[in-house]
Each structure stands twice: as structure tokens, then as C-alpha cells.
Amino acid sequence: MQPASLYRYYQECPRISTDTRAIKPDSLFFALKGTHFNGNAFAAEALEKGARYAVIDEPRYRQDDRFLLVADVLAALQKLARYHRERLRIPIIGITGSNGKTTTKELLHAVLSRTFNTYATQGNLNNHIGVPLTLLSLDRQTQLAIVEMGANHPGEIAFLCNIAQPTHGLITNVGKAHLEGFGGFEGVMRTKGELYDYLAGHGGTVFLQQDNPNLREMAESRAINQPVTYGFSEGNDVVGLLQSADPVLEIQWHAHGSHTHHTVTTRLTGAYNTENLLAAVCVGRHFGVSAIDINKGLTDYTPSNNRSQLTKTAANTVIRDYYNANASSMAVALENLKLLKADRKVIILGDMFELGEASPEEHRKLVDLACAMGVDRVLFVGHEFARHKRPGAEFHDTTDAAKAALQQHPVTGALVLLKASRSMAFEKLMDSL
């Protein structure tokens, strides 16, 4: 079945389901396959639960005309999303980067939605399945979309750009993430730069943190024409200054050539988020959002999903930043902790993954950095950190073991940094803090 034919069914029921545990009424169910499941086997169940049609790729599961047979379900989903996107005459902003892309996406949405009917990637749906689902969530009322793009192998950003066809784009930064899949830092730069490649080849607009030498080099090497710039030095289209980061961020910004300076107090913690805030200012200004609405969007944004999230418990103040972690984001989280005033500080770090051959060295560096900070207590969790034991720090093989240690020797009256890769399940520690 060609995309044009499948599109007629999508227009009849423009809601997509991929999981029989959460079927949307009158939706189009795509029977995706995984390592341990075959969605075709659940197609009939999806229809029983309220889906109108089921897209399958194995003829033996077809029972009647409600079962739509295609050659490959995942490819059909991706082609349908591209076909739909080509019929939407709206700006789409593609966002990628090693750190901060989800927070930046949320900040852009907070700013742009004050003026436009804006849709942004939900949660972390930023891969070869999530991006098509995001595009198929856009309707005729959508005026502008923000599509987050993640990758852990070369070519993935180019592939996602071919589906989403962004008109504008932003790379937050490039760092030491997914080194195993990229084959090193140079591979990270090449893959993230695929967004610039697409925009350069299609007359798109790049939003550039011009004071970041890696991003500036990536843009210059691709002959990006007239990027819209932001940063900390005069000459950028948007110039920013970190006023305070203790514990939440207050920034000042002004447009190039303007004598009007704006001060914004946010609910975000982490000095490293200053660039993400400036990115939202830059994009907002480019699309004509007023300074008042830009500032209001940034002020009202409340972080969630355990990203730069400041939480006060009965015993402590906790920086919850354990949605994801890599060598670069770990280092800046520790540097940020140095800036914060507190009578007592506690560091709890969990293992990072997908670092390949660089893993031992990157974990060792973080052990050295954290132990040198002179805080009241340092806990490392996971087998990777356990290879680099130091006197004066605690090492626990699992999150459950760390939780038991915190229950036996409680932390009180402290500022606590929790940082780890998502699969370390650091949310288990919260009721012990």
C-alpha cells in the first residue's frame, strides 16, 4: 500500500496507536515489531479495543478489510509521516544536541505557544518511531512545530530530517554522549551536524550559539548562510548574561543594538541552562514573539521529568537530574553545584552508559572531580564507578544498595545532587532523601 492510499485512512481517523494497552478510540493502529514482540499478533486485539483499522505486514494475521496490509509497518509509518508533513505548510524547528535538547524544546514551546498554536515533541519521542508519531499529531490548526531529534549512530539525524523536513534548526551543543555508537567525539559532531547539512541544502534557518567553538566550526564548515545567533558576547543577535544561579536561574538579555535589557527569573536550576534559555529568546524573537511574552514564557516554565528539577523534601533540597546522563552533562552538573550556596552538600552519581571504550576513563574523571570538591558526602552507584574506588567516598553496586545506605545513615539539611543515566532508576532514592 502506497503512502497516498494509507493517507486516506489516516484522514478518516487521524489518531495513531501503537500499544494495545493504550488504544485511542477510532485510531489507526500500527503493528510495530520489537526484539521481543510482534505487533501483528495484537492487531485483532487493537480493533476489539476501539481502533478502526490495523496496519500489519504479515498476511496470516489479516481477517477482514479493517486489516491494512503493507510491506513493512515501521516503514509505512515513516512514509506516512513524511507524506503528511509535505502537506503542512508550516515552519518546523528541528532540535538535536548531546545535552539539553529536551529542556530547550520545552522552553521554545513555552515561548512560542504564547503567540502561535504550537506543538512540540511529547516526552522523549525523538527517534525513528517518535518523530513520525510527532508529525502525525500535527493538524490543520497547528501553526508551528518543534521536533526533537535524538541519535546514537551516524546517519540517524539525516534520516529523521528526511522525514520531518525542518525549515529551522538548532543544535544545543555537542558532547561526550553515545560515544560507543558514534565511534568517538568526531562522530558526535558529524552526526549532530547532519541537521546543519539538511538546512544548508534546503535553504533553512540555523539558530546558532555562536560563542560555542564546536558549533561555530560546524556551521562555518557547512557555509551556513546568515545564521540567527545567540550567546554571551556582543555581536550576537541575542546577547545574554547569567545574573544568578543560586538556586534558580536569573538571566539578563538584550537584542543586538538595543539599549533595552530584560531580566528574567526562572524556575530552572543549573547555570548550564542559561544557553537553553537564550536559545528560546532567540527563536522567539525570530518568529516575532514580543519581549513581554518571551519573558512570561520563560518565567512560567516549570521543569519536570527529573531534568534540572529542584525539589524540597522534608529533610533536604534535591536537584533531580537523572533523566539522562553522559560525561559532559555530569561534569557541568558538578560545576554548577560549586556555584550554589549551602551549609551541606551531597553528591550522588550513577553509572553512564553507551560510552564504549571511553567508559572507564570518563567514569574515573568524574570520580576525581567529585571527590575533589570537598562536599560533605559523595556516593557513587553502579559497576562502572565501582572500578575507581577512592578513600572518603561511598561506592554501591546498585541503586537499591545506595538506598539502604541512605536509610541507615540519613542525609538531612543538605543540598543533594542526583545525577545518573535513566536506567539507574534514581527515583528510588527520593523517599530516602
Protein backbone atom coordinates (compact mmCIF):
# COMPACT_ATOMS: atom_id res chain seq x y z
CA MET A 1 0.00 0.00 0.00
CA GLN A 2 1.41 3.37 -1.06
CA PRO A 3 1.51 6.37 1.34
CA ALA A 4 -1.23 8.15 -0.65
CA SER A 5 -3.58 5.21 -0.17
CA LEU A 6 -2.77 4.86 3.51
CA TYR A 7 -3.19 8.60 3.94
CA ARG A 8 -6.89 8.32 3.10
CA TYR A 9 -7.34 6.05 6.11
CA TYR A 10 -5.33 8.45 8.27
CA GLN A 11 -7.57 11.34 7.19
CA GLU A 12 -10.59 9.29 8.19
CA CYS A 13 -9.14 8.59 11.65
CA PRO A 14 -6.14 10.88 12.27
CA ARG A 15 -5.09 9.34 15.56
CA ILE A 16 -2.29 6.81 15.83
CA SER A 17 -1.96 3.92 18.28
CA THR A 18 0.99 1.57 18.65
CA ASP A 19 0.26 -0.06 22.01
CA THR A 20 -2.83 -2.14 22.77
CA ARG A 21 -2.59 -1.07 26.42
CA ALA A 22 -3.45 2.50 25.41
CA ILE A 23 -5.68 2.31 22.34
CA LYS A 24 -7.17 5.60 21.19
CA PRO A 25 -10.81 5.28 20.02
CA ASP A 26 -11.20 5.23 16.22
CA SER A 27 -7.45 5.26 15.72
CA LEU A 28 -5.12 3.78 13.16
CA PHE A 29 -3.15 1.00 14.89
CA PHE A 30 0.37 0.30 13.61
CA ALA A 31 1.52 -3.21 14.45
CA LEU A 32 5.17 -2.42 15.14
CA LYS A 33 7.69 -5.13 15.92
CA GLY A 34 10.31 -5.21 18.64
CA THR A 35 13.04 -7.53 19.81
CA HIS A 36 10.62 -9.48 21.99
CA PHE A 37 7.19 -8.80 20.45
CA ASN A 38 5.33 -8.87 17.14
CA GLY A 39 2.64 -6.21 16.87
CA ASN A 40 0.85 -8.20 14.18
CA ALA A 41 -0.21 -10.67 16.84
CA PHE A 42 -2.02 -7.87 18.69
CA ALA A 43 -3.80 -6.32 15.71
CA ALA A 44 -7.12 -8.07 16.34
CA GLU A 45 -6.99 -7.05 19.99
CA ALA A 46 -6.38 -3.43 18.97
CA LEU A 47 -9.53 -3.48 16.83
CA GLU A 48 -11.54 -5.05 19.65
CA LYS A 49 -10.40 -2.25 21.97
CA GLY A 50 -11.55 0.52 19.65
CA ALA A 51 -9.05 1.06 16.84
CA ARG A 52 -10.78 1.48 13.48
CA TYR A 53 -8.02 -0.01 11.33
CA ALA A 54 -4.86 -2.03 11.97
CA VAL A 55 -1.78 -1.70 9.77
CA ILE A 56 0.00 -5.08 9.53
CA ASP A 57 2.79 -6.61 7.43
CA GLU A 58 2.11 -10.34 7.84
CA PRO A 59 -0.78 -11.67 5.68
CA ARG A 60 -1.63 -14.51 8.07
CA TYR A 61 -3.00 -12.00 10.59
CA ARG A 62 -5.40 -10.37 8.12
CA GLN A 63 -9.02 -11.24 8.96
CA ASP A 64 -11.07 -8.61 7.10
CA ASP A 65 -10.90 -5.20 5.42
CA ARG A 66 -10.04 -3.47 8.68
CA PHE A 67 -6.58 -5.05 8.47
CA LEU A 68 -4.44 -2.92 6.13
CA LEU A 69 -1.55 -4.92 4.69
CA VAL A 70 1.75 -3.16 3.95
CA ALA A 71 5.23 -4.43 3.15
CA ASP A 72 6.76 -3.12 6.40
CA VAL A 73 4.80 -1.46 9.21
CA LEU A 74 7.62 0.76 10.50
CA ALA A 75 8.50 1.97 7.01
CA ALA A 76 4.81 2.62 6.32
CA LEU A 77 4.57 4.74 9.48
CA GLN A 78 7.63 6.76 8.49
CA LYS A 79 6.48 7.27 4.89
CA LEU A 80 3.00 8.28 6.06
CA ALA A 81 4.52 10.84 8.43
CA ARG A 82 6.64 12.32 5.63
CA TYR A 83 3.64 12.39 3.29
CA HIS A 84 1.60 14.23 5.94
CA ARG A 85 4.42 16.66 6.69
CA GLU A 86 4.68 17.58 2.99
CA ARG A 87 1.06 18.74 3.13
CA LEU A 88 1.62 21.01 6.12
CA ARG A 89 2.79 24.48 5.07
CA ILE A 90 4.18 25.38 8.48
CA PRO A 91 7.60 26.06 9.99
CA ILE A 92 9.13 23.07 11.74
CA ILE A 93 12.05 23.61 14.10
CA GLY A 94 14.36 20.61 14.43
CA ILE A 95 16.33 20.33 17.66
CA THR A 96 19.21 18.00 18.44
CA GLY A 97 22.29 18.04 20.65
CA SER A 98 24.16 15.97 23.21
CA ASN A 99 22.70 17.74 26.24
CA GLY A 100 19.73 19.97 26.91
CA LYS A 101 17.66 19.30 23.80
CA THR A 102 14.51 18.28 25.68
CA THR A 103 14.70 21.25 28.07
CA THR A 104 15.35 23.59 25.14
CA LYS A 105 12.40 22.09 23.27
CA GLU A 106 10.17 22.73 26.28
CA LEU A 107 11.44 26.30 26.65
CA LEU A 108 10.83 27.02 22.96
CA HIS A 109 7.32 25.65 23.33
CA ALA A 110 6.70 27.81 26.41
CA VAL A 111 7.72 30.92 24.47
CA LEU A 112 6.24 30.23 21.03
CA SER A 113 2.90 28.95 22.32
CA ARG A 114 2.16 32.39 23.74
CA THR A 115 1.73 33.61 20.15
CA PHE A 116 1.20 30.53 18.00
CA ASN A 117 -0.72 27.28 18.14
CA THR A 118 2.45 25.29 18.74
CA TYR A 119 3.02 21.55 19.00
CA ALA A 120 6.21 20.04 20.41
CA THR A 121 7.54 16.51 20.74
CA GLN A 122 5.88 14.85 23.71
CA GLY A 123 8.23 13.47 26.34
CA ASN A 124 11.23 11.87 24.68
CA LEU A 125 9.63 10.66 21.43
CA ASN A 126 12.67 11.68 19.42
CA ASN A 127 13.72 8.57 17.49
CA HIS A 128 12.78 6.76 14.26
CA ILE A 129 9.36 5.94 15.76
CA GLY A 130 8.83 9.01 17.93
CA VAL A 131 9.46 11.59 15.20
CA PRO A 132 6.84 10.08 12.84
CA LEU A 133 4.35 9.93 15.73
CA THR A 134 5.06 13.59 16.48
CA LEU A 135 4.45 14.62 12.87
CA LEU A 136 1.23 12.63 12.67
CA SER A 137 -0.01 14.51 15.75
CA LEU A 138 0.05 17.80 13.82
CA ASP A 139 -3.27 19.00 12.40
CA ARG A 140 -4.53 21.90 10.31
CA GLN A 141 -4.74 24.12 13.41
CA THR A 142 -1.03 23.73 14.16
CA GLN A 143 0.85 26.89 13.18
CA LEU A 144 4.35 25.85 14.21
CA ALA A 145 6.00 22.63 15.39
CA ILE A 146 9.12 21.78 17.38
CA VAL A 147 10.55 18.34 16.65
CA GLU A 148 13.25 16.88 18.89
CA MET A 149 15.67 14.50 17.19
CA GLY A 150 17.86 12.05 19.05
CA ALA A 151 20.58 9.77 17.70
CA ASN A 152 23.16 7.26 18.84
CA HIS A 153 24.56 6.25 15.43
CA PRO A 154 25.77 8.14 12.34
CA GLY A 155 23.11 8.89 9.77
CA GLU A 156 20.18 8.97 12.17
CA ILE A 157 19.72 12.76 12.22
CA ALA A 158 19.86 12.84 8.42
CA PHE A 159 17.22 10.11 8.30
CA LEU A 160 14.93 11.98 10.70
CA CYS A 161 15.41 15.25 8.80
CA ASN A 162 14.30 13.49 5.62
CA ILE A 163 11.03 12.63 7.38
CA ALA A 164 10.42 15.85 9.33
CA GLN A 165 11.83 18.26 6.72
CA PRO A 166 12.65 21.05 9.19
CA THR A 167 12.66 24.63 7.97
CA HIS A 168 14.63 25.81 11.00
CA GLY A 169 17.08 24.07 13.30
CA LEU A 170 19.09 24.28 16.48
CA ILE A 171 21.90 22.17 17.90
CA THR A 172 22.17 22.79 21.64
CA ASN A 173 25.75 21.52 21.94
CA VAL A 174 27.97 18.54 21.18
CA GLY A 175 29.43 16.48 24.00
CA LYS A 176 30.55 13.04 25.10
CA ALA A 177 27.32 11.11 24.68
CA HIS A 178 26.70 7.76 22.92
CA LEU A 179 30.41 7.55 22.13
CA GLU A 180 30.11 3.82 21.56
CA GLY A 181 27.66 4.24 18.68
CA PHE A 182 29.32 7.31 17.20
CA GLY A 183 32.86 5.97 17.37
CA GLY A 184 34.16 8.97 19.31
CA PHE A 185 33.62 12.71 19.67
CA GLU A 186 34.28 13.46 15.99
CA GLY A 187 31.45 11.09 15.16
CA VAL A 188 29.17 13.01 17.51
CA MET A 189 29.97 16.27 15.71
CA ARG A 190 29.39 14.76 12.27
CA THR A 191 26.07 13.19 13.22
CA LYS A 192 24.64 16.19 15.05
CA GLY A 193 25.87 18.31 12.13
CA GLU A 194 23.55 16.40 9.82
CA LEU A 195 20.85 18.86 10.90
CA TYR A 196 23.00 21.73 9.60
CA ASP A 197 23.63 19.72 6.41
CA TYR A 198 19.91 19.39 5.77
CA LEU A 199 19.15 23.04 6.46
CA ALA A 200 22.07 24.24 4.33
CA GLY A 201 20.86 22.08 1.45
CA HIS A 202 17.24 23.22 1.71
CA GLY A 203 17.55 26.94 2.40
CA GLY A 204 16.67 26.56 6.07
CA THR A 205 17.46 28.81 9.03
CA VAL A 206 20.01 27.86 11.68
CA PHE A 207 19.87 29.20 15.24
CA LEU A 208 23.49 29.21 16.38
CA GLN A 209 25.14 29.59 19.79
CA GLN A 210 27.97 31.49 18.18
CA ASP A 211 30.21 31.53 21.26
CA ASN A 212 30.38 27.74 21.27
CA PRO A 213 33.54 26.94 19.26
CA ASN A 214 32.36 23.48 18.21
CA LEU A 215 29.02 24.74 16.91
CA ARG A 216 30.65 27.73 15.22
CA GLU A 217 33.14 25.44 13.47
CA MET A 218 30.36 23.09 12.38
CA ALA A 219 28.33 25.98 10.94
CA GLU A 220 31.30 27.61 9.19
CA SER A 221 32.43 24.34 7.60
CA ARG A 222 28.99 23.96 6.03
CA ALA A 223 28.77 27.55 4.79
CA ILE A 224 25.58 28.21 6.73
CA ASN A 225 24.15 31.46 5.34
CA GLN A 226 23.26 34.13 7.86
CA PRO A 227 22.57 32.08 10.99
CA VAL A 228 20.48 33.72 13.70
CA THR A 229 22.87 33.90 16.63
CA TYR A 230 22.77 33.99 20.40
CA GLY A 231 25.43 33.85 23.08
CA PHE A 232 27.24 35.91 25.68
CA SER A 233 29.33 38.28 23.55
CA GLU A 234 28.25 41.44 21.76
CA GLY A 235 27.67 40.87 18.09
CA ASN A 236 25.19 38.03 18.60
CA ASP A 237 21.58 38.73 17.62
CA VAL A 238 20.65 37.93 21.22
CA VAL A 239 23.17 38.62 23.98
CA GLY A 240 22.72 37.10 27.43
CA LEU A 241 24.21 37.26 30.88
CA LEU A 242 23.80 34.93 33.84
CA GLN A 243 22.82 37.10 36.80
CA SER A 244 22.32 34.41 39.42
CA ALA A 245 22.10 30.63 39.72
CA ASP A 246 21.50 30.16 43.42
CA PRO A 247 19.46 28.05 43.30
CA VAL A 248 17.28 29.13 40.35
CA LEU A 249 18.46 30.98 37.27
CA GLU A 250 18.10 34.68 36.70
CA ILE A 251 19.33 35.92 33.36
CA GLN A 252 19.55 39.23 31.55
CA TRP A 253 19.23 39.52 27.78
CA HIS A 254 19.08 42.14 25.08
CA ALA A 255 18.82 42.21 21.32
CA HIS A 256 21.78 43.32 19.22
CA GLY A 257 21.89 47.11 19.01
CA SER A 258 19.17 47.58 21.63
CA HIS A 259 19.63 49.51 24.86
CA THR A 260 16.71 47.71 26.50
CA HIS A 261 17.86 44.95 28.84
CA HIS A 262 15.41 42.35 30.13
CA THR A 263 15.84 40.48 33.41
CA VAL A 264 14.08 37.13 33.78
CA THR A 265 13.83 35.00 36.91
CA THR A 266 13.08 31.36 36.09
CA ARG A 267 12.21 28.15 37.93
CA LEU A 268 15.15 26.30 36.40
CA THR A 269 18.29 25.34 38.28
CA GLY A 270 21.71 24.80 36.70
CA ALA A 271 23.88 27.51 35.17
CA TYR A 272 24.27 25.26 32.11
CA ASN A 273 20.63 26.03 31.26
CA THR A 274 21.49 29.67 30.53
CA GLU A 275 22.24 28.81 26.89
CA ASN A 276 18.95 26.94 26.60
CA LEU A 277 17.08 30.00 27.86
CA LEU A 278 18.89 32.25 25.38
CA ALA A 279 18.05 29.84 22.58
CA ALA A 280 14.36 30.24 23.42
CA VAL A 281 14.74 34.03 23.45
CA CYS A 282 16.48 33.93 20.06
CA VAL A 283 13.89 31.70 18.43
CA GLY A 284 11.01 33.66 19.96
CA ARG A 285 12.35 36.94 18.62
CA HIS A 286 12.90 35.44 15.17
CA PHE A 287 9.24 34.45 14.98
CA GLY A 288 8.02 37.82 16.23
CA VAL A 289 7.06 36.94 19.80
CA SER A 290 7.07 40.09 21.93
CA ALA A 291 9.68 40.56 24.65
CA ILE A 292 6.89 40.57 27.24
CA ASP A 293 5.62 37.18 26.06
CA ILE A 294 9.13 35.75 25.76
CA ASN A 295 9.88 36.71 29.35
CA LYS A 296 6.50 35.45 30.57
CA GLY A 297 7.02 32.10 28.85
CA LEU A 298 10.44 31.65 30.47
CA THR A 299 9.23 32.78 33.89
CA ASP A 300 6.23 30.46 33.91
CA TYR A 301 8.05 27.36 32.63
CA THR A 302 8.23 24.70 35.34
CA PRO A 303 10.80 21.93 34.80
CA SER A 304 9.61 18.35 35.20
CA ASN A 305 10.59 14.80 34.22
CA ASN A 306 13.66 14.89 36.51
CA ARG A 307 15.58 17.36 34.37
CA SER A 308 17.18 20.24 36.30
CA GLN A 309 14.29 19.91 38.72
CA LEU A 310 14.67 21.43 42.18
CA THR A 311 12.62 19.63 44.84
CA LYS A 312 12.37 20.40 48.54
CA THR A 313 11.70 17.36 50.69
CA ALA A 314 11.06 17.27 54.43
CA ALA A 315 14.78 16.78 55.03
CA ASN A 316 16.72 18.21 52.08
CA THR A 317 16.77 20.21 48.85
CA VAL A 318 17.33 17.86 45.92
CA ILE A 319 18.47 18.63 42.38
CA ARG A 320 16.76 15.87 40.41
CA ASP A 321 18.68 15.49 37.16
CA TYR A 322 18.55 11.77 36.49
CA TYR A 323 16.52 11.52 33.32
CA ASN A 324 19.73 11.09 31.39
CA ALA A 325 23.48 11.43 31.85
CA ASN A 326 26.69 11.47 29.87
CA ALA A 327 30.23 12.59 30.55
CA SER A 328 29.60 16.19 29.52
CA SER A 329 26.34 16.68 31.41
CA MET A 330 27.79 15.07 34.54
CA ALA A 331 30.72 17.49 34.54
CA VAL A 332 28.57 20.61 34.14
CA ALA A 333 26.18 19.40 36.85
CA LEU A 334 29.12 19.13 39.26
CA GLU A 335 30.47 22.53 38.21
CA ASN A 336 27.03 24.03 38.79
CA LEU A 337 26.90 22.55 42.29
CA LYS A 338 30.05 24.53 43.12
CA LEU A 339 28.16 27.76 42.40
CA LEU A 340 25.34 27.03 44.82
CA LYS A 341 25.44 28.18 48.42
CA ALA A 342 24.57 25.55 51.02
CA ASP A 343 25.74 24.62 54.51
CA ARG A 344 25.96 20.98 53.46
CA LYS A 345 26.29 19.40 50.01
CA VAL A 346 25.91 15.76 49.00
CA ILE A 347 26.72 14.25 45.59
CA ILE A 348 25.10 11.02 44.39
CA LEU A 349 26.15 9.91 40.91
CA GLY A 350 25.09 6.82 38.98
CA ASP A 351 26.65 4.98 36.06
CA MET A 352 26.63 6.35 32.49
CA PHE A 353 26.05 4.06 29.53
CA GLU A 354 26.91 3.81 25.80
CA LEU A 355 30.38 5.29 26.26
CA GLY A 356 32.19 2.33 24.71
CA GLU A 357 35.95 2.20 25.18
CA ALA A 358 35.89 5.66 26.77
CA SER A 359 33.74 4.48 29.68
CA PRO A 360 36.50 3.64 32.23
CA GLU A 361 38.34 6.91 31.64
CA GLU A 362 35.21 9.08 31.73
CA HIS A 363 33.96 7.48 34.94
CA ARG A 364 37.41 7.88 36.52
CA LYS A 365 37.50 11.59 35.64
CA LEU A 366 34.14 12.14 37.32
CA VAL A 367 35.23 10.28 40.45
CA ASP A 368 38.29 12.53 40.65
CA LEU A 369 36.23 15.67 40.04
CA ALA A 370 33.53 14.85 42.58
CA CYS A 371 35.97 13.74 45.27
CA ALA A 372 38.00 16.94 44.85
CA MET A 373 35.01 19.17 45.55
CA GLY A 374 35.19 18.76 49.31
CA VAL A 375 31.49 18.23 49.88
CA ASP A 376 30.07 16.52 52.96
CA ARG A 377 29.29 13.16 51.35
CA VAL A 378 29.83 11.52 47.97
CA LEU A 379 28.11 8.35 46.79
CA PHE A 380 28.80 6.56 43.51
CA VAL A 381 26.34 3.96 42.28
CA GLY A 382 26.92 1.24 39.69
CA HIS A 383 29.57 -1.18 38.50
CA GLU A 384 31.32 1.34 36.23
CA PHE A 385 32.00 3.78 39.05
CA ALA A 386 32.96 0.90 41.36
CA ARG A 387 36.11 0.32 39.28
CA HIS A 388 37.56 3.59 40.58
CA LYS A 389 37.16 3.45 44.35
CA ARG A 390 38.67 6.26 46.40
CA PRO A 391 39.03 6.77 50.16
CA GLY A 392 36.40 9.05 51.62
CA ALA A 393 33.68 8.21 49.10
CA GLU A 394 30.98 5.55 49.15
CA PHE A 395 30.60 3.05 46.32
CA HIS A 396 27.46 0.96 45.88
CA ASP A 397 26.89 -1.60 43.14
CA THR A 398 23.15 -0.92 42.79
CA THR A 399 20.61 1.81 43.43
CA ASP A 400 18.89 -0.42 45.98
CA ALA A 401 22.18 -0.75 47.88
CA ALA A 402 22.60 3.04 47.85
CA LYS A 403 19.06 3.44 49.12
CA ALA A 404 19.79 1.08 52.02
CA ALA A 405 22.90 3.10 52.87
CA LEU A 406 20.90 6.34 52.88
CA GLN A 407 18.30 4.79 55.15
CA GLN A 408 20.96 3.52 57.55
CA HIS A 409 22.84 6.85 57.53
CA PRO A 410 20.28 9.53 56.57
CA VAL A 411 21.12 12.81 54.86
CA THR A 412 19.49 15.88 56.40
CA GLY A 413 19.74 19.61 55.88
CA ALA A 414 21.71 19.25 52.65
CA LEU A 415 21.66 20.28 49.03
CA VAL A 416 21.76 16.95 47.17
CA LEU A 417 22.68 16.41 43.53
CA LEU A 418 21.18 13.28 41.97
CA LYS A 419 22.62 12.58 38.52
CA ALA A 420 22.61 9.29 36.59
CA SER A 421 21.53 7.57 33.41
CA ARG A 422 17.82 6.83 33.32
CA SER A 423 18.17 3.08 33.68
CA MET A 424 19.79 3.52 37.11
CA ALA A 425 16.27 4.33 38.41
CA PHE A 426 17.41 7.07 40.80
CA GLU A 427 13.80 7.96 41.56
CA LYS A 428 14.03 5.11 44.08
CA LEU A 429 16.28 7.31 46.20
CA MET A 430 13.87 10.18 46.61
CA ASP A 431 11.88 8.75 49.53
CA SER A 432 15.18 8.29 51.41
CA LEU A 433 16.12 11.95 50.98
